[in-house]
PDB file of N, CA and C in Angstrom:
ATOM      1  N   UNK A   1       1.008  -0.942  -0.027  1.00  0.00           N
ATOM      2  CA  UNK A   1       0.130  -0.289   0.185  1.00  0.00           C
ATOM      3  C   UNK A   1       0.935   1.262  -0.107  1.00  0.00           C
ATOM      4  N   UNK A   2       2.056   1.234   0.614  1.00  0.00           N
ATOM      5  CA  UNK A   2       3.064   2.321   0.462  1.00  0.00           C
ATOM      6  C   UNK A   2       3.060   2.618  -0.814  1.00  0.00           C
ATOM      7  N   UNK A   3       3.276   1.551  -1.873  1.00  0.00           N
ATOM      8  CA  UNK A   3       3.786   1.712  -2.932  1.00  0.00           C
ATOM      9  C   UNK A   3       2.741   2.731  -3.846  1.00  0.00           C
ATOM     10  N   UNK A   4       1.407   2.441  -3.621  1.00  0.00           N
ATOM     11  CA  UNK A   4       0.313   2.565  -4.075  1.00  0.00           C
ATOM     12  C   UNK A   4       0.267   4.594  -3.621  1.00  0.00           C
ATOM     13  N   UNK A   5       0.534   4.656  -2.355  1.00  0.00           N
ATOM     14  CA  UNK A   5       0.421   5.890  -1.908  1.00  0.00           C
ATOM     15  C   UNK A   5       1.680   6.650  -2.226  1.00  0.00           C
ATOM     16  N   UNK A   6       2.760   6.318  -2.510  1.00  0.00           N
ATOM     17  CA  UNK A   6       3.529   7.358  -3.284  1.00  0.00           C
ATOM     18  C   UNK A   6       3.406   7.228  -4.559  1.00  0.00           C
ATOM     19  N   UNK A   7       2.634   6.351  -5.442  1.00  0.00           N
ATOM     20  CA  UNK A   7       2.249   6.596  -6.722  1.00  0.00           C
ATOM     21  C   UNK A   7       1.562   7.487  -6.939  1.00  0.00           C
ATOM     22  N   UNK A   8       0.585   7.568  -6.130  1.00  0.00           N
ATOM     23  CA  UNK A   8      -0.379   8.585  -6.226  1.00  0.00           C
ATOM     24  C   UNK A   8       0.024   9.961  -5.745  1.00  0.00           C
ATOM     25  N   UNK A   9       0.866  10.079  -5.125  1.00  0.00           N
ATOM     26  CA  UNK A   9       1.495  11.341  -5.044  1.00  0.00           C
ATOM     27  C   UNK A   9       2.425  11.436  -6.388  1.00  0.00           C
ATOM     28  N   UNK A  10       2.977  10.627  -6.840  1.00  0.00           N
ATOM     29  CA  UNK A  10       3.783  11.343  -8.061  1.00  0.00           C
ATOM     30  C   UNK A  10       2.543  11.884  -9.275  1.00  0.00           C
ATOM     31  N   UNK A  11       1.740  10.893  -8.823  1.00  0.00           N
ATOM     32  CA  UNK A  11       0.589  11.176 -10.333  1.00  0.00           C
ATOM     33  C   UNK A  11       0.047  12.559  -9.809  1.00  0.00           C
ATOM     34  N   UNK A  12      -0.138  12.748  -8.458  1.00  0.00           N
ATOM     35  CA  UNK A  12      -0.474  14.465  -8.237  1.00  0.00           C
ATOM     36  C   UNK A  12      -0.245  15.424  -8.562  1.00  0.00           C
ATOM     37  N   UNK A  13       1.225  15.046  -8.638  1.00  0.00           N
ATOM     38  CA  UNK A  13       2.243  16.648  -8.789  1.00  0.00           C
ATOM     39  C   UNK A  13       2.659  16.573 -10.816  1.00  0.00           C
ATOM     40  N   UNK A  14       2.645  15.089 -11.284  1.00  0.00           N
ATOM     41  CA  UNK A  14       2.888  14.952 -12.358  1.00  0.00           C
ATOM     42  C   UNK A  14       2.819  15.711 -13.178  1.00  0.00           C
ATOM     43  N   UNK A  15       1.708  16.382 -13.553  1.00  0.00           N
ATOM     44  CA  UNK A  15       1.296  17.324 -14.410  1.00  0.00           C
ATOM     45  C   UNK A  15       2.189  18.711 -14.790  1.00  0.00           C
ATOM     46  N   UNK A  16       2.790  19.089 -13.487  1.00  0.00           N
ATOM     47  CA  UNK A  16       3.444  20.423 -13.652  1.00  0.00           C
ATOM     48  C   UNK A  16       4.871  19.758 -13.962  1.00  0.00           C
ATOM     49  N   UNK A  17       5.180  18.642 -13.538  1.00  0.00           N
ATOM     50  CA  UNK A  17       6.662  18.494 -13.862  1.00  0.00           C
ATOM     51  C   UNK A  17       6.373  17.122 -14.932  1.00  0.00           C
ATOM     52  N   UNK A  18       5.706  17.300 -15.875  1.00  0.00           N
ATOM     53  CA  UNK A  18       5.462  16.145 -17.138  1.00  0.00           C
ATOM     54  C   UNK A  18       6.747  16.061 -17.505  1.00  0.00           C
ATOM     55  N   UNK A  19       6.880  14.670 -17.932  1.00  0.00           N
ATOM     56  CA  UNK A  19       8.002  13.481 -18.452  1.00  0.00           C
ATOM     57  C   UNK A  19       8.970  14.952 -19.395  1.00  0.00           C
ATOM     58  N   UNK A  20       8.303  15.419 -20.375  1.00  0.00           N
ATOM     59  CA  UNK A  20       9.693  16.560 -21.300  1.00  0.00           C
ATOM     60  C   UNK A  20       9.994  17.447 -20.237  1.00  0.00           C
ATOM     61  N   UNK A  21       9.564  18.294 -19.536  1.00  0.00           N
ATOM     62  CA  UNK A  21      10.445  18.451 -18.299  1.00  0.00           C
ATOM     63  C   UNK A  21      11.482  17.825 -17.123  1.00  0.00           C
ATOM     64  N   UNK A  22      11.162  16.591 -17.577  1.00  0.00           N
ATOM     65  CA  UNK A  22      12.120  15.929 -16.340  1.00  0.00           C
ATOM     66  C   UNK A  22      13.702  15.669 -16.854  1.00  0.00           C
ATOM     67  N   UNK A  23      14.516  15.788 -15.664  1.00  0.00           N
ATOM     68  CA  UNK A  23      15.920  15.723 -16.317  1.00  0.00           C
ATOM     69  C   UNK A  23      16.122  14.379 -16.795  1.00  0.00           C
ATOM     70  N   UNK A  24      17.162  13.568 -17.064  1.00  0.00           N
ATOM     71  CA  UNK A  24      17.635  12.998 -17.764  1.00  0.00           C
ATOM     72  C   UNK A  24      17.784  11.719 -16.542  1.00  0.00           C
ATOM     73  N   UNK A  25      17.843  12.223 -14.958  1.00  0.00           N
ATOM     74  CA  UNK A  25      17.927  11.389 -13.960  1.00  0.00           C
ATOM     75  C   UNK A  25      16.871  10.998 -13.806  1.00  0.00           C
ATOM     76  N   UNK A  26      15.573  11.754 -13.852  1.00  0.00           N
ATOM     77  CA  UNK A  26      14.236  11.443 -13.423  1.00  0.00           C
ATOM     78  C   UNK A  26      13.417  10.892 -14.318  1.00  0.00           C
ATOM     79  N   UNK A  27      14.181  10.867 -15.478  1.00  0.00           N
ATOM     80  CA  UNK A  27      13.836  10.114 -16.779  1.00  0.00           C
ATOM     81  C   UNK A  27      14.012   8.514 -16.656  1.00  0.00           C
ATOM     82  N   UNK A  28      15.295   8.532 -15.931  1.00  0.00           N
ATOM     83  CA  UNK A  28      15.584   7.036 -16.223  1.00  0.00           C
ATOM     84  C   UNK A  28      14.600   6.438 -14.349  1.00  0.00           C
ATOM     85  N   UNK A  29      14.662   7.414 -13.785  1.00  0.00           N
ATOM     86  CA  UNK A  29      13.778   6.847 -12.289  1.00  0.00           C
ATOM     87  C   UNK A  29      12.484   6.596 -13.478  1.00  0.00           C
ATOM     88  N   UNK A  30      11.911   7.022 -13.867  1.00  0.00           N
ATOM     89  CA  UNK A  30      10.446   6.728 -14.174  1.00  0.00           C
ATOM     90  C   UNK A  30      10.592   5.508 -15.214  1.00  0.00           C
ATOM     91  N   UNK A  31      11.804   5.164 -15.675  1.00  0.00           N
ATOM     92  CA  UNK A  31      11.765   3.831 -16.349  1.00  0.00           C
ATOM     93  C   UNK A  31      12.014   2.853 -15.384  1.00  0.00           C
ATOM     94  N   UNK A  32      12.621   3.101 -14.424  1.00  0.00           N
ATOM     95  CA  UNK A  32      13.127   2.217 -13.702  1.00  0.00           C
ATOM     96  C   UNK A  32      11.912   1.627 -12.802  1.00  0.00           C
ATOM     97  N   UNK A  33      10.938   2.697 -12.176  1.00  0.00           N
ATOM     98  CA  UNK A  33       9.678   2.436 -12.039  1.00  0.00           C
ATOM     99  C   UNK A  33       8.628   1.834 -12.719  1.00  0.00           C
ATOM    100  N   UNK A  34       8.793   2.209 -13.991  1.00  0.00           N
ATOM    101  CA  UNK A  34       7.815   1.591 -14.820  1.00  0.00           C
ATOM    102  C   UNK A  34       8.196  -0.250 -15.018  1.00  0.00           C
ATOM    103  N   UNK A  35       8.971  -0.373 -14.809  1.00  0.00           N
ATOM    104  CA  UNK A  35       9.702  -2.047 -14.631  1.00  0.00           C
ATOM    105  C   UNK A  35       9.253  -2.346 -13.558  1.00  0.00           C
ATOM    106  N   UNK A  36       9.502  -1.765 -12.446  1.00  0.00           N
ATOM    107  CA  UNK A  36       8.866  -1.951 -11.210  1.00  0.00           C
ATOM    108  C   UNK A  36       7.333  -2.440 -11.186  1.00  0.00           C
ATOM    109  N   UNK A  37       6.699  -1.707 -11.875  1.00  0.00           N
ATOM    110  CA  UNK A  37       5.210  -1.426 -11.745  1.00  0.00           C
ATOM    111  C   UNK A  37       4.981  -2.679 -12.632  1.00  0.00           C
ATOM    112  N   UNK A  38       5.795  -3.409 -13.626  1.00  0.00           N
ATOM    113  CA  UNK A  38       5.378  -4.139 -14.292  1.00  0.00           C
ATOM    114  C   UNK A  38       6.005  -5.604 -13.646  1.00  0.00           C
ATOM    115  N   UNK A  39       6.949  -5.598 -13.081  1.00  0.00           N
ATOM    116  CA  UNK A  39       7.309  -6.697 -11.965  1.00  0.00           C
ATOM    117  C   UNK A  39       6.353  -6.909 -11.111  1.00  0.00           C
ATOM    118  N   UNK A  40       5.799  -5.455 -10.400  1.00  0.00           N
ATOM    119  CA  UNK A  40       4.614  -5.991  -9.211  1.00  0.00           C
ATOM    120  C   UNK A  40       2.808  -6.378 -10.611  1.00  0.00           C
ATOM    121  N   UNK A  41       2.820  -5.806 -11.495  1.00  0.00           N
ATOM    122  CA  UNK A  41       1.236  -6.475 -12.042  1.00  0.00           C
ATOM    123  C   UNK A  41       1.530  -7.959 -12.167  1.00  0.00           C
ATOM    124  N   UNK A  42       2.881  -8.490 -12.817  1.00  0.00           N
ATOM    125  CA  UNK A  42       3.077  -9.767 -13.257  1.00  0.00           C
ATOM    126  C   UNK A  42       2.914 -10.732 -11.425  1.00  0.00           C
ATOM    127  N   UNK A  43       3.049 -10.347 -10.341  1.00  0.00           N
ATOM    128  CA  UNK A  43       3.124 -10.899  -9.220  1.00  0.00           C
ATOM    129  C   UNK A  43       1.847 -10.890  -8.540  1.00  0.00           C
ATOM    130  N   UNK A  44       1.079  -9.715  -8.921  1.00  0.00           N
ATOM    131  CA  UNK A  44      -0.194  -9.667  -8.320  1.00  0.00           C
ATOM    132  C   UNK A  44      -0.966 -10.382  -9.224  1.00  0.00           C
ATOM    133  N   UNK A  45      -0.976 -10.667 -10.516  1.00  0.00           N
ATOM    134  CA  UNK A  45      -1.802 -11.280 -10.716  1.00  0.00           C
ATOM    135  C   UNK A  45      -1.475 -12.603 -10.901  1.00  0.00           C
ATOM    136  N   UNK A  46      -0.337 -12.867 -10.881  1.00  0.00           N
ATOM    137  CA  UNK A  46      -0.105 -14.536 -10.498  1.00  0.00           C
ATOM    138  C   UNK A  46      -0.819 -14.997  -9.276  1.00  0.00           C
ATOM    139  N   UNK A  47      -1.100 -14.017  -7.856  1.00  0.00           N
ATOM    140  CA  UNK A  47      -1.387 -14.634  -7.000  1.00  0.00           C
ATOM    141  C   UNK A  47      -3.138 -14.237  -6.822  1.00  0.00           C
ATOM    142  N   UNK A  48      -3.513 -12.844  -7.663  1.00  0.00           N
ATOM    143  CA  UNK A  48      -4.968 -12.605  -8.123  1.00  0.00           C
ATOM    144  C   UNK A  48      -5.777 -12.940  -9.056  1.00  0.00           C
ATOM    145  N   UNK A  49      -4.569 -13.470  -9.667  1.00  0.00           N
ATOM    146  CA  UNK A  49      -5.762 -14.087 -10.865  1.00  0.00           C
ATOM    147  C   UNK A  49      -5.380 -13.292 -12.432  1.00  0.00           C
ATOM    148  N   UNK A  50      -5.413 -13.768 -13.333  1.00  0.00           N
ATOM    149  CA  UNK A  50      -5.557 -13.044 -15.038  1.00  0.00           C
ATOM    150  C   UNK A  50      -6.056 -11.860 -14.753  1.00  0.00           C
ATOM    151  N   UNK A  51      -7.417 -11.754 -14.216  1.00  0.00           N
ATOM    152  CA  UNK A  51      -8.082 -10.531 -14.335  1.00  0.00           C
ATOM    153  C   UNK A  51      -7.723  -9.302 -13.584  1.00  0.00           C
ATOM    154  N   UNK A  52      -7.085  -9.604 -12.812  1.00  0.00           N
ATOM    155  CA  UNK A  52      -6.413  -8.541 -12.213  1.00  0.00           C
ATOM    156  C   UNK A  52      -5.566  -7.547 -12.665  1.00  0.00           C
ATOM    157  N   UNK A  53      -5.765  -6.350 -13.138  1.00  0.00           N
ATOM    158  CA  UNK A  53      -5.358  -5.158 -13.711  1.00  0.00           C
ATOM    159  C   UNK A  53      -5.004  -3.928 -13.291  1.00  0.00           C
ATOM    160  N   UNK A  54      -4.686  -4.325 -11.604  1.00  0.00           N
ATOM    161  CA  UNK A  54      -4.782  -3.078 -11.144  1.00  0.00           C
ATOM    162  C   UNK A  54      -3.276  -2.300 -11.134  1.00  0.00           C
ATOM    163  N   UNK A  55      -1.998  -2.713 -11.600  1.00  0.00           N
ATOM    164  CA  UNK A  55      -0.934  -2.205 -11.883  1.00  0.00           C
ATOM    165  C   UNK A  55      -0.896  -1.805 -12.938  1.00  0.00           C
ATOM    166  N   UNK A  56      -1.743  -2.728 -14.009  1.00  0.00           N
ATOM    167  CA  UNK A  56      -1.579  -1.991 -15.538  1.00  0.00           C
ATOM    168  C   UNK A  56      -2.322  -1.133 -15.544  1.00  0.00           C
ATOM    169  N   UNK A  57      -3.484  -1.065 -14.693  1.00  0.00           N
ATOM    170  CA  UNK A  57      -4.026   0.508 -14.733  1.00  0.00           C
ATOM    171  C   UNK A  57      -3.206   2.007 -14.084  1.00  0.00           C
ATOM    172  N   UNK A  58      -2.597   1.505 -13.336  1.00  0.00           N
ATOM    173  CA  UNK A  58      -1.786   2.230 -12.422  1.00  0.00           C
ATOM    174  C   UNK A  58      -0.389   2.725 -13.653  1.00  0.00           C
ATOM    175  N   UNK A  59      -0.143   1.897 -14.370  1.00  0.00           N
ATOM    176  CA  UNK A  59       0.874   2.077 -15.261  1.00  0.00           C
ATOM    177  C   UNK A  59       0.275   3.277 -16.319  1.00  0.00           C
ATOM    178  N   UNK A  60      -1.134   2.944 -16.954  1.00  0.00           N
ATOM    179  CA  UNK A  60      -1.668   3.834 -17.851  1.00  0.00           C
ATOM    180  C   UNK A  60      -1.880   5.233 -17.411  1.00  0.00           C
ATOM    181  N   UNK A  61      -2.238   5.362 -15.887  1.00  0.00           N
ATOM    182  CA  UNK A  61      -2.377   6.900 -15.142  1.00  0.00           C
ATOM    183  C   UNK A  61      -1.085   7.077 -15.235  1.00  0.00           C
ATOM    184  N   UNK A  62       0.153   6.276 -14.722  1.00  0.00           N
ATOM    185  CA  UNK A  62       1.585   7.428 -14.874  1.00  0.00           C
ATOM    186  C   UNK A  62       1.599   7.827 -16.524  1.00  0.00           C
ATOM    187  N   UNK A  63       1.217   7.038 -17.183  1.00  0.00           N
ATOM    188  CA  UNK A  63       1.678   7.552 -18.413  1.00  0.00           C
ATOM    189  C   UNK A  63       1.160   8.685 -19.064  1.00  0.00           C
ATOM    190  N   UNK A  64      -0.164   8.194 -18.865  1.00  0.00           N
ATOM    191  CA  UNK A  64      -0.638   9.746 -19.173  1.00  0.00           C
ATOM    192  C   UNK A  64      -1.009  11.059 -18.104  1.00  0.00           C
ATOM    193  N   UNK A  65      -0.613  11.022 -17.025  1.00  0.00           N
ATOM    194  CA  UNK A  65      -0.085  11.915 -16.467  1.00  0.00           C
ATOM    195  C   UNK A  65       0.897  12.601 -17.009  1.00  0.00           C
ATOM    196  N   UNK A  66       2.340  11.425 -16.737  1.00  0.00           N
ATOM    197  CA  UNK A  66       3.653  12.206 -17.474  1.00  0.00           C
ATOM    198  C   UNK A  66       3.178  12.997 -18.790  1.00  0.00           C
ATOM    199  N   UNK A  67       2.663  12.472 -19.960  1.00  0.00           N
ATOM    200  CA  UNK A  67       2.495  12.470 -21.247  1.00  0.00           C
ATOM    201  C   UNK A  67       3.682  12.656 -21.996  1.00  0.00           C
ATOM    202  N   UNK A  68       4.813  11.512 -21.676  1.00  0.00           N
ATOM    203  CA  UNK A  68       5.990  11.730 -22.489  1.00  0.00           C
ATOM    204  C   UNK A  68       5.462  11.867 -23.808  1.00  0.00           C
ATOM    205  N   UNK A  69       7.311  11.822 -24.385  1.00  0.00           N
ATOM    206  CA  UNK A  69       6.964  12.260 -25.838  1.00  0.00           C
ATOM    207  C   UNK A  69       7.036  10.611 -26.113  1.00  0.00           C
ATOM    208  N   UNK A  70       7.255  10.519 -27.548  1.00  0.00           N
ATOM    209  CA  UNK A  70       6.902   8.956 -28.335  1.00  0.00           C
ATOM    210  C   UNK A  70       8.107   7.870 -27.611  1.00  0.00           C
ATOM    211  N   UNK A  71       9.461   8.196 -27.646  1.00  0.00           N
ATOM    212  CA  UNK A  71      10.227   7.969 -27.619  1.00  0.00           C
ATOM    213  C   UNK A  71      10.672   7.375 -26.300  1.00  0.00           C
ATOM    214  N   UNK A  72       9.915   8.196 -25.011  1.00  0.00           N
ATOM    215  CA  UNK A  72      10.160   8.123 -23.614  1.00  0.00           C
ATOM    216  C   UNK A  72       8.975   6.981 -23.465  1.00  0.00           C
ATOM    217  N   UNK A  73       7.889   7.342 -24.080  1.00  0.00           N
ATOM    218  CA  UNK A  73       6.374   6.678 -23.917  1.00  0.00           C
ATOM    219  C   UNK A  73       7.165   5.176 -24.415  1.00  0.00           C
ATOM    220  N   UNK A  74       7.675   4.892 -25.103  1.00  0.00           N
ATOM    221  CA  UNK A  74       8.214   3.319 -25.506  1.00  0.00           C
ATOM    222  C   UNK A  74       9.086   2.903 -24.688  1.00  0.00           C
ATOM    223  N   UNK A  75      10.031   3.632 -24.090  1.00  0.00           N
ATOM    224  CA  UNK A  75      10.816   3.096 -23.147  1.00  0.00           C
ATOM    225  C   UNK A  75      10.290   2.381 -21.890  1.00  0.00           C
ATOM    226  N   UNK A  76       9.323   3.568 -21.475  1.00  0.00           N
ATOM    227  CA  UNK A  76       8.176   3.155 -20.270  1.00  0.00           C
ATOM    228  C   UNK A  76       7.715   1.796 -20.458  1.00  0.00           C
ATOM    229  N   UNK A  77       6.830   2.005 -21.557  1.00  0.00           N
ATOM    230  CA  UNK A  77       6.001   0.742 -21.787  1.00  0.00           C
ATOM    231  C   UNK A  77       7.313  -0.896 -22.181  1.00  0.00           C
ATOM    232  N   UNK A  78       8.109  -0.472 -22.602  1.00  0.00           N
ATOM    233  CA  UNK A  78       9.374  -1.138 -22.864  1.00  0.00           C
ATOM    234  C   UNK A  78       9.670  -1.889 -21.628  1.00  0.00           C
ATOM    235  N   UNK A  79       9.879  -1.156 -20.492  1.00  0.00           N
ATOM    236  CA  UNK A  79      10.490  -1.418 -19.197  1.00  0.00           C
ATOM    237  C   UNK A  79       9.158  -2.002 -18.647  1.00  0.00           C
ATOM    238  N   UNK A  80       7.833  -1.699 -18.489  1.00  0.00           N
ATOM    239  CA  UNK A  80       7.010  -2.264 -17.834  1.00  0.00           C
ATOM    240  C   UNK A  80       6.850  -3.945 -18.667  1.00  0.00           C
ATOM    241  N   UNK A  81       7.031  -3.887 -19.530  1.00  0.00           N
ATOM    242  CA  UNK A  81       6.294  -5.366 -20.047  1.00  0.00           C
ATOM    243  C   UNK A  81       7.995  -6.366 -20.014  1.00  0.00           C
ATOM    244  N   UNK A  82       9.043  -5.550 -19.565  1.00  0.00           N
ATOM    245  CA  UNK A  82       9.963  -6.308 -19.750  1.00  0.00           C
ATOM    246  C   UNK A  82      10.288  -7.115 -17.986  1.00  0.00           C
ATOM    247  N   UNK A  83       9.938  -6.003 -17.175  1.00  0.00           N
ATOM    248  CA  UNK A  83       9.712  -6.271 -15.676  1.00  0.00           C
ATOM    249  C   UNK A  83       8.595  -7.405 -15.610  1.00  0.00           C
ATOM    250  N   UNK A  84       7.707  -7.421 -16.275  1.00  0.00           N
ATOM    251  CA  UNK A  84       6.496  -8.521 -16.357  1.00  0.00           C
ATOM    252  C   UNK A  84       6.870  -9.456 -16.568  1.00  0.00           C
ATOM    253  N   UNK A  85       7.935  -9.710 -17.931  1.00  0.00           N
ATOM    254  CA  UNK A  85       8.193 -10.753 -18.133  1.00  0.00           C
ATOM    255  C   UNK A  85       8.980 -11.885 -17.655  1.00  0.00           C
ATOM    256  N   UNK A  86      10.087 -10.687 -17.262  1.00  0.00           N
ATOM    257  CA  UNK A  86      11.173 -11.693 -15.805  1.00  0.00           C
ATOM    258  C   UNK A  86      10.116 -11.972 -15.107  1.00  0.00           C
ATOM    259  N   UNK A  87       9.216 -11.447 -14.025  1.00  0.00           N
ATOM    260  CA  UNK A  87       8.792 -11.942 -12.976  1.00  0.00           C
ATOM    261  C   UNK A  87       8.021 -13.100 -13.438  1.00  0.00           C
ATOM    262  N   UNK A  88       6.762 -13.104 -14.644  1.00  0.00           N
ATOM    263  CA  UNK A  88       6.023 -14.241 -15.204  1.00  0.00           C
ATOM    264  C   UNK A  88       7.489 -15.209 -15.235  1.00  0.00           C
ATOM    265  N   UNK A  89       8.648 -15.695 -15.816  1.00  0.00           N
ATOM    266  CA  UNK A  89       9.075 -16.252 -15.833  1.00  0.00           C
ATOM    267  C   UNK A  89       9.936 -17.332 -14.754  1.00  0.00           C
ATOM    268  N   UNK A  90      10.230 -16.092 -14.034  1.00  0.00           N
ATOM    269  CA  UNK A  90      10.830 -16.594 -12.495  1.00  0.00           C
ATOM    270  C   UNK A  90       9.684 -17.174 -11.711  1.00  0.00           C
ATOM    271  N   UNK A  91       8.291 -16.775 -11.591  1.00  0.00           N
ATOM    272  CA  UNK A  91       7.377 -17.435 -10.839  1.00  0.00           C
ATOM    273  C   UNK A  91       6.519 -17.911 -11.514  1.00  0.00           C
ATOM    274  N   UNK A  92       5.713 -19.187 -11.712  1.00  0.00           N
ATOM    275  CA  UNK A  92       4.956 -19.764 -12.280  1.00  0.00           C
ATOM    276  C   UNK A  92       4.022 -20.027 -11.183  1.00  0.00           C
ATOM    277  N   UNK A  93       3.726 -19.875 -10.145  1.00  0.00           N
ATOM    278  CA  UNK A  93       2.696 -20.209  -9.104  1.00  0.00           C
ATOM    279  C   UNK A  93       3.041 -19.219  -7.803  1.00  0.00           C
ATOM    280  N   UNK A  94       1.485 -18.693  -7.271  1.00  0.00           N
ATOM    281  CA  UNK A  94       1.496 -17.598  -6.065  1.00  0.00           C
ATOM    282  C   UNK A  94       2.383 -18.704  -4.912  1.00  0.00           C
ATOM    283  N   UNK A  95       3.359 -18.197  -4.593  1.00  0.00           N
ATOM    284  CA  UNK A  95       4.046 -18.976  -3.280  1.00  0.00           C
ATOM    285  C   UNK A  95       4.544 -17.920  -2.301  1.00  0.00           C
ATOM    286  N   UNK A  96       4.987 -18.241  -1.357  1.00  0.00           N
ATOM    287  CA  UNK A  96       5.813 -17.563  -0.508  1.00  0.00           C
ATOM    288  C   UNK A  96       6.589 -16.431  -0.965  1.00  0.00           C
ATOM    289  N   UNK A  97       7.676 -17.375  -1.891  1.00  0.00           N
ATOM    290  CA  UNK A  97       8.665 -16.647  -2.091  1.00  0.00           C
ATOM    291  C   UNK A  97       7.695 -15.222  -3.349  1.00  0.00           C
ATOM    292  N   UNK A  98       6.989 -16.064  -3.844  1.00  0.00           N
ATOM    293  CA  UNK A  98       6.135 -14.701  -4.878  1.00  0.00           C
ATOM    294  C   UNK A  98       5.919 -13.691  -4.203  1.00  0.00           C
ATOM    295  N   UNK A  99       5.069 -14.040  -2.937  1.00  0.00           N
ATOM    296  CA  UNK A  99       4.499 -12.999  -2.077  1.00  0.00           C
ATOM    297  C   UNK A  99       5.727 -11.820  -1.484  1.00  0.00           C
ATOM    298  N   UNK A 100       6.982 -12.760  -1.181  1.00  0.00           N
ATOM    299  CA  UNK A 100       7.939 -12.120  -1.018  1.00  0.00           C
ATOM    300  C   UNK A 100       8.462 -10.914  -1.883  1.00  0.00           C
ATOM    301  N   UNK A 101       8.598 -11.710  -3.193  1.00  0.00           N
ATOM    302  CA  UNK A 101       9.157 -10.955  -4.467  1.00  0.00           C
ATOM    303  C   UNK A 101       8.329  -9.363  -4.456  1.00  0.00           C
ATOM    304  N   UNK A 102       6.795  -9.816  -4.371  1.00  0.00           N
ATOM    305  CA  UNK A 102       6.034  -8.768  -4.793  1.00  0.00           C
ATOM    306  C   UNK A 102       6.013  -7.257  -3.493  1.00  0.00           C
ATOM    307  N   UNK A 103       6.561  -8.082  -2.246  1.00  0.00           N
ATOM    308  CA  UNK A 103       6.601  -7.104  -1.458  1.00  0.00           C
ATOM    309  C   UNK A 103       7.600  -6.380  -1.537  1.00  0.00           C
ATOM    310  N   UNK A 104       9.097  -6.938  -2.133  1.00  0.00           N
ATOM    311  CA  UNK A 104      10.075  -6.399  -2.270  1.00  0.00           C
ATOM    312  C   UNK A 104      10.168  -5.512  -3.126  1.00  0.00           C
ATOM    313  N   UNK A 105       9.230  -5.679  -4.757  1.00  0.00           N
ATOM    314  CA  UNK A 105       9.048  -4.833  -5.653  1.00  0.00           C
ATOM    315  C   UNK A 105       8.114  -3.449  -5.306  1.00  0.00           C
ATOM    316  N   UNK A 106       7.021  -3.705  -4.286  1.00  0.00           N
ATOM    317  CA  UNK A 106       6.465  -2.674  -3.479  1.00  0.00           C
ATOM    318  C   UNK A 106       7.471  -1.575  -3.337  1.00  0.00           C
ATOM    319  N   UNK A 107       8.242  -2.320  -1.869  1.00  0.00           N
ATOM    320  CA  UNK A 107       9.266  -1.099  -1.452  1.00  0.00           C
ATOM    321  C   UNK A 107      10.013  -0.596  -2.655  1.00  0.00           C
ATOM    322  N   UNK A 108      10.735  -1.229  -3.293  1.00  0.00           N
ATOM    323  CA  UNK A 108      11.054  -0.606  -4.768  1.00  0.00           C
ATOM    324  C   UNK A 108      10.429   0.445  -5.458  1.00  0.00           C
ATOM    325  N   UNK A 109       9.304   0.295  -5.666  1.00  0.00           N
ATOM    326  CA  UNK A 109       8.494   1.206  -6.142  1.00  0.00           C
ATOM    327  C   UNK A 109       7.802   2.461  -5.650  1.00  0.00           C
ATOM    328  N   UNK A 110       7.909   2.202  -4.185  1.00  0.00           N
ATOM    329  CA  UNK A 110       7.706   3.229  -3.197  1.00  0.00           C
ATOM    330  C   UNK A 110       8.984   4.279  -3.263  1.00  0.00           C
ATOM    331  N   UNK A 111       9.899   3.481  -3.133  1.00  0.00           N
ATOM    332  CA  UNK A 111      11.198   4.360  -3.109  1.00  0.00           C
ATOM    333  C   UNK A 111      11.326   5.193  -4.398  1.00  0.00           C
ATOM    334  N   UNK A 112      11.354   4.518  -5.311  1.00  0.00           N
ATOM    335  CA  UNK A 112      11.597   5.247  -6.630  1.00  0.00           C
ATOM    336  C   UNK A 112      10.462   6.336  -6.538  1.00  0.00           C
ATOM    337  N   UNK A 113       9.596   6.096  -6.554  1.00  0.00           N
ATOM    338  CA  UNK A 113       7.903   7.300  -6.759  1.00  0.00           C
ATOM    339  C   UNK A 113       8.349   8.363  -5.683  1.00  0.00           C
ATOM    340  N   UNK A 114       8.749   8.055  -4.668  1.00  0.00           N
ATOM    341  CA  UNK A 114       9.225   9.393  -3.472  1.00  0.00           C
ATOM    342  C   UNK A 114      10.199  10.066  -4.245  1.00  0.00           C
ATOM    343  N   UNK A 115      11.435   9.160  -5.171  1.00  0.00           N
ATOM    344  CA  UNK A 115      12.333   9.655  -5.627  1.00  0.00           C
ATOM    345  C   UNK A 115      12.066  11.081  -6.349  1.00  0.00           C
ATOM    346  N   UNK A 116      10.698  10.099  -6.955  1.00  0.00           N
ATOM    347  CA  UNK A 116      10.503  11.075  -8.656  1.00  0.00           C
ATOM    348  C   UNK A 116       9.492  12.862  -7.749  1.00  0.00           C
ATOM    349  N   UNK A 117       8.699  12.388  -6.391  1.00  0.00           N
ATOM    350  CA  UNK A 117       8.125  13.218  -5.996  1.00  0.00           C
ATOM    351  C   UNK A 117       8.967  14.725  -5.310  1.00  0.00           C
ATOM    352  N   UNK A 118      10.244  14.189  -5.165  1.00  0.00           N
ATOM    353  CA  UNK A 118      11.329  15.186  -4.855  1.00  0.00           C
ATOM    354  C   UNK A 118      12.207  16.074  -5.783  1.00  0.00           C
ATOM    355  N   UNK A 119      11.781  17.741  -5.364  1.00  0.00           N
ATOM    356  CA  UNK A 119      12.043  18.357  -6.523  1.00  0.00           C
ATOM    357  C   UNK A 119      13.948  17.863  -6.399  1.00  0.00           C
ATOM    358  N   UNK A 120      14.841  18.400  -7.394  1.00  0.00           N
ATOM    359  CA  UNK A 120      16.054  18.114  -7.964  1.00  0.00           C
ATOM    360  C   UNK A 120      16.399  19.281  -7.270  1.00  0.00           C
ATOM    361  N   UNK A 121      17.829  18.646  -6.787  1.00  0.00           N
ATOM    362  CA  UNK A 121      18.562  20.113  -6.841  1.00  0.00           C
ATOM    363  C   UNK A 121      20.104  19.580  -6.099  1.00  0.00           C
TER     364      UNK A 121
END
C-alpha cells in the first residue's frame, strides 16, 4: 500500500513536472519505476488471477499523467513489459517466495515514486 500511496503522490504532482520537463536522471527513474510496476503486475496477477489489472491501470495512469514524448513512452512501456516478463518467467505459481518478491517490488516502487516526487537540487 505504501507503493500505491507514493505513486498517487507522483501522479498528483506529475502534471507540472510532465516527462518532457524531467531531467535525464528523473527520466531514468521513471523507466525504473515502470519496470517495477511491470514486476508488481506480474506478481499480483499470479496471486490474484489473470483478471487483476490493478498495476496495469496504474501504469496507464502514470503514462497519462507524464505525457511523455513517443520515445520515452516506448521506453516506459518496454520497461513495464520487461519487468512483467522477468517475473512471469521467474515465478509460475503464487507462493511465499512470490509474495516476498511482490513486497520487495512494492518497497522498491515506493522508493522510486518518492524519489520522483522530490524536487531535484
